[in-house]
Amino acid sequence: MKNLSVAILLTCAASTPAGTSSLEFNCANAEAMERMMSAMHRPSTGDVDRDYVSTMTPHHVGAIEMAQLELRYGRNEQLRRMAQEIIVTQKQEIEAMSIAINTGPAK
């Protein structure tokens, strides 16, 4: 993963002078994906429920970050509405998972 981070930074740094919104989107999206994938790699705790929540939460955060990029750079109104819905629902799901894992039945 570290090599990918370096490649992303080098590609984005080399491309920054162009300043196109497409290029900015691609760099920011790649960075969001890298953060998400890195955060999803966690050692197993032996508790399936906790492991599920600990990997799904960064997955949802990544979806929120990517949806925010669509709102910033995208022009298609249908996709922008979908991105806004994704932000709302993913935040709700993160909260619901956090509540469930902290108040669910003990094993």
C-alpha atoms as a PDB file:
ATOM      1  CA  MET A   1       0.000   0.000   0.000  1.00  0.00           C
ATOM      2  CA  LYS A   2       2.849   2.359   0.750  1.00  0.00           C
ATOM      3  CA  ASN A   3       4.114   2.125  -2.845  1.00  0.00           C
ATOM      4  CA  LEU A   4       0.644   3.041  -4.065  1.00  0.00           C
ATOM      5  CA  SER A   5       0.633   6.119  -1.814  1.00  0.00           C
ATOM      6  CA  VAL A   6       3.936   7.277  -3.248  1.00  0.00           C
ATOM      7  CA  ALA A   7       2.703   6.647  -6.797  1.00  0.00           C
ATOM      8  CA  ILE A   8      -0.480   8.643  -6.133  1.00  0.00           C
ATOM      9  CA  LEU A   9       1.432  11.573  -4.675  1.00  0.00           C
ATOM     10  CA  LEU A  10       3.965  11.601  -7.502  1.00  0.00           C
ATOM     11  CA  THR A  11       1.272  11.404 -10.168  1.00  0.00           C
ATOM     12  CA  CYS A  12      -0.782  14.155  -8.578  1.00  0.00           C
ATOM     13  CA  ALA A  13       2.224  16.375  -7.913  1.00  0.00           C
ATOM     14  CA  ALA A  14       3.446  16.005 -11.469  1.00  0.00           C
ATOM     15  CA  SER A  15      -0.012  16.758 -12.834  1.00  0.00           C
ATOM     16  CA  THR A  16      -1.011  19.646 -10.573  1.00  0.00           C
ATOM     17  CA  PRO A  17      -0.046  22.497 -12.961  1.00  0.00           C
ATOM     18  CA  ALA A  18      -2.737  21.404 -15.414  1.00  0.00           C
ATOM     19  CA  GLY A  19      -5.320  22.216 -12.738  1.00  0.00           C
ATOM     20  CA  THR A  20      -8.242  20.604 -14.517  1.00  0.00           C
ATOM     21  CA  SER A  21     -11.164  19.604 -12.349  1.00  0.00           C
ATOM     22  CA  SER A  22     -11.005  16.089 -13.823  1.00  0.00           C
ATOM     23  CA  LEU A  23      -7.383  15.749 -12.780  1.00  0.00           C
ATOM     24  CA  GLU A  24      -8.093  17.192  -9.343  1.00  0.00           C
ATOM     25  CA  PHE A  25     -10.986  14.761  -8.959  1.00  0.00           C
ATOM     26  CA  ASN A  26      -8.855  11.789 -10.032  1.00  0.00           C
ATOM     27  CA  CYS A  27      -6.089  12.662  -7.560  1.00  0.00           C
ATOM     28  CA  ALA A  28      -8.493  13.285  -4.678  1.00  0.00           C
ATOM     29  CA  ASN A  29     -10.437  10.124  -5.493  1.00  0.00           C
ATOM     30  CA  ALA A  30      -7.256   8.034  -5.573  1.00  0.00           C
ATOM     31  CA  GLU A  31      -6.224   9.488  -2.218  1.00  0.00           C
ATOM     32  CA  ALA A  32      -9.663   8.704  -0.725  1.00  0.00           C
ATOM     33  CA  MET A  33      -9.455   5.147  -2.028  1.00  0.00           C
ATOM     34  CA  GLU A  34      -5.969   4.739  -0.565  1.00  0.00           C
ATOM     35  CA  ARG A  35      -7.134   5.987   2.850  1.00  0.00           C
ATOM     36  CA  MET A  36     -10.136   3.659   2.757  1.00  0.00           C
ATOM     37  CA  MET A  37      -8.174   0.568   1.724  1.00  0.00           C
ATOM     38  CA  SER A  38      -5.467   1.249   4.288  1.00  0.00           C
ATOM     39  CA  ALA A  39      -7.992   1.751   7.095  1.00  0.00           C
ATOM     40  CA  MET A  40      -9.839  -1.444   6.176  1.00  0.00           C
ATOM     41  CA  HIS A  41      -6.743  -3.583   6.763  1.00  0.00           C
ATOM     42  CA  ARG A  42      -7.000  -4.429  10.437  1.00  0.00           C
ATOM     43  CA  PRO A  43      -5.942  -7.469  12.398  1.00  0.00           C
ATOM     44  CA  SER A  44      -8.751  -9.790  13.381  1.00  0.00           C
ATOM     45  CA  THR A  45      -9.974  -9.485  16.949  1.00  0.00           C
ATOM     46  CA  GLY A  46     -11.679 -12.878  16.881  1.00  0.00           C
ATOM     47  CA  ASP A  47     -15.037 -11.135  17.266  1.00  0.00           C
ATOM     48  CA  VAL A  48     -16.800 -11.293  13.895  1.00  0.00           C
ATOM     49  CA  ASP A  49     -19.160  -8.432  14.754  1.00  0.00           C
ATOM     50  CA  ARG A  50     -16.372  -6.097  15.838  1.00  0.00           C
ATOM     51  CA  ASP A  51     -14.234  -7.044  12.845  1.00  0.00           C
ATOM     52  CA  TYR A  52     -17.188  -6.391  10.527  1.00  0.00           C
ATOM     53  CA  VAL A  53     -17.805  -2.934  11.988  1.00  0.00           C
ATOM     54  CA  SER A  54     -14.095  -2.067  12.048  1.00  0.00           C
ATOM     55  CA  THR A  55     -13.776  -2.783   8.319  1.00  0.00           C
ATOM     56  CA  MET A  56     -17.170  -1.511   7.199  1.00  0.00           C
ATOM     57  CA  THR A  57     -16.786   1.850   8.923  1.00  0.00           C
ATOM     58  CA  PRO A  58     -13.788   2.973   6.832  1.00  0.00           C
ATOM     59  CA  HIS A  59     -15.533   1.524   3.768  1.00  0.00           C
ATOM     60  CA  HIS A  60     -18.503   3.801   4.458  1.00  0.00           C
ATOM     61  CA  VAL A  61     -16.225   6.764   5.224  1.00  0.00           C
ATOM     62  CA  GLY A  62     -14.556   6.179   1.850  1.00  0.00           C
ATOM     63  CA  ALA A  63     -17.947   6.192   0.147  1.00  0.00           C
ATOM     64  CA  ILE A  64     -18.759   9.494   1.857  1.00  0.00           C
ATOM     65  CA  GLU A  65     -15.457  11.034   0.737  1.00  0.00           C
ATOM     66  CA  MET A  66     -16.014   9.894  -2.849  1.00  0.00           C
ATOM     67  CA  ALA A  67     -19.584  11.212  -2.822  1.00  0.00           C
ATOM     68  CA  GLN A  68     -18.299  14.566  -1.557  1.00  0.00           C
ATOM     69  CA  LEU A  69     -15.922  14.644  -4.513  1.00  0.00           C
ATOM     70  CA  GLU A  70     -18.855  14.051  -6.870  1.00  0.00           C
ATOM     71  CA  LEU A  71     -20.610  17.024  -5.292  1.00  0.00           C
ATOM     72  CA  ARG A  72     -17.478  19.150  -5.672  1.00  0.00           C
ATOM     73  CA  TYR A  73     -16.547  18.186  -9.226  1.00  0.00           C
ATOM     74  CA  GLY A  74     -19.508  16.415 -10.829  1.00  0.00           C
ATOM     75  CA  ARG A  75     -22.042  18.088 -13.101  1.00  0.00           C
ATOM     76  CA  ASN A  76     -24.688  15.387 -13.591  1.00  0.00           C
ATOM     77  CA  GLU A  77     -27.607  16.376 -11.355  1.00  0.00           C
ATOM     78  CA  GLN A  78     -28.875  12.810 -11.010  1.00  0.00           C
ATOM     79  CA  LEU A  79     -25.453  11.623  -9.829  1.00  0.00           C
ATOM     80  CA  ARG A  80     -25.122  14.621  -7.520  1.00  0.00           C
ATOM     81  CA  ARG A  81     -28.475  13.759  -5.883  1.00  0.00           C
ATOM     82  CA  MET A  82     -27.341  10.159  -5.504  1.00  0.00           C
ATOM     83  CA  ALA A  83     -24.059  11.348  -3.956  1.00  0.00           C
ATOM     84  CA  GLN A  84     -25.989  13.442  -1.437  1.00  0.00           C
ATOM     85  CA  GLU A  85     -28.142  10.428  -0.548  1.00  0.00           C
ATOM     86  CA  ILE A  86     -25.021   8.291  -0.158  1.00  0.00           C
ATOM     87  CA  ILE A  87     -23.552  10.808   2.279  1.00  0.00           C
ATOM     88  CA  VAL A  88     -26.708  10.809   4.405  1.00  0.00           C
ATOM     89  CA  THR A  89     -27.277   7.038   4.393  1.00  0.00           C
ATOM     90  CA  GLN A  90     -23.641   6.088   4.952  1.00  0.00           C
ATOM     91  CA  LYS A  91     -23.420   8.427   7.948  1.00  0.00           C
ATOM     92  CA  GLN A  92     -26.605   6.877   9.344  1.00  0.00           C
ATOM     93  CA  GLU A  93     -25.231   3.377   8.831  1.00  0.00           C
ATOM     94  CA  ILE A  94     -21.943   4.253  10.544  1.00  0.00           C
ATOM     95  CA  GLU A  95     -23.902   5.565  13.519  1.00  0.00           C
ATOM     96  CA  ALA A  96     -26.190   2.508  13.574  1.00  0.00           C
ATOM     97  CA  MET A  97     -23.226   0.115  13.465  1.00  0.00           C
ATOM     98  CA  SER A  98     -21.499   2.010  16.249  1.00  0.00           C
ATOM     99  CA  ILE A  99     -24.609   1.839  18.432  1.00  0.00           C
ATOM    100  CA  ALA A 100     -25.182  -1.840  17.638  1.00  0.00           C
ATOM    101  CA  ILE A 101     -21.627  -2.895  18.410  1.00  0.00           C
ATOM    102  CA  ASN A 102     -21.590  -0.888  21.658  1.00  0.00           C
ATOM    103  CA  THR A 103     -25.038  -1.919  22.918  1.00  0.00           C
ATOM    104  CA  GLY A 104     -25.544  -5.347  21.346  1.00  0.00           C
ATOM    105  CA  PRO A 105     -25.689  -8.599  23.259  1.00  0.00           C
ATOM    106  CA  ALA A 106     -22.433  -9.587  24.932  1.00  0.00           C
ATOM    107  CA  LYS A 107     -20.776 -12.819  23.834  1.00  0.00           C
END
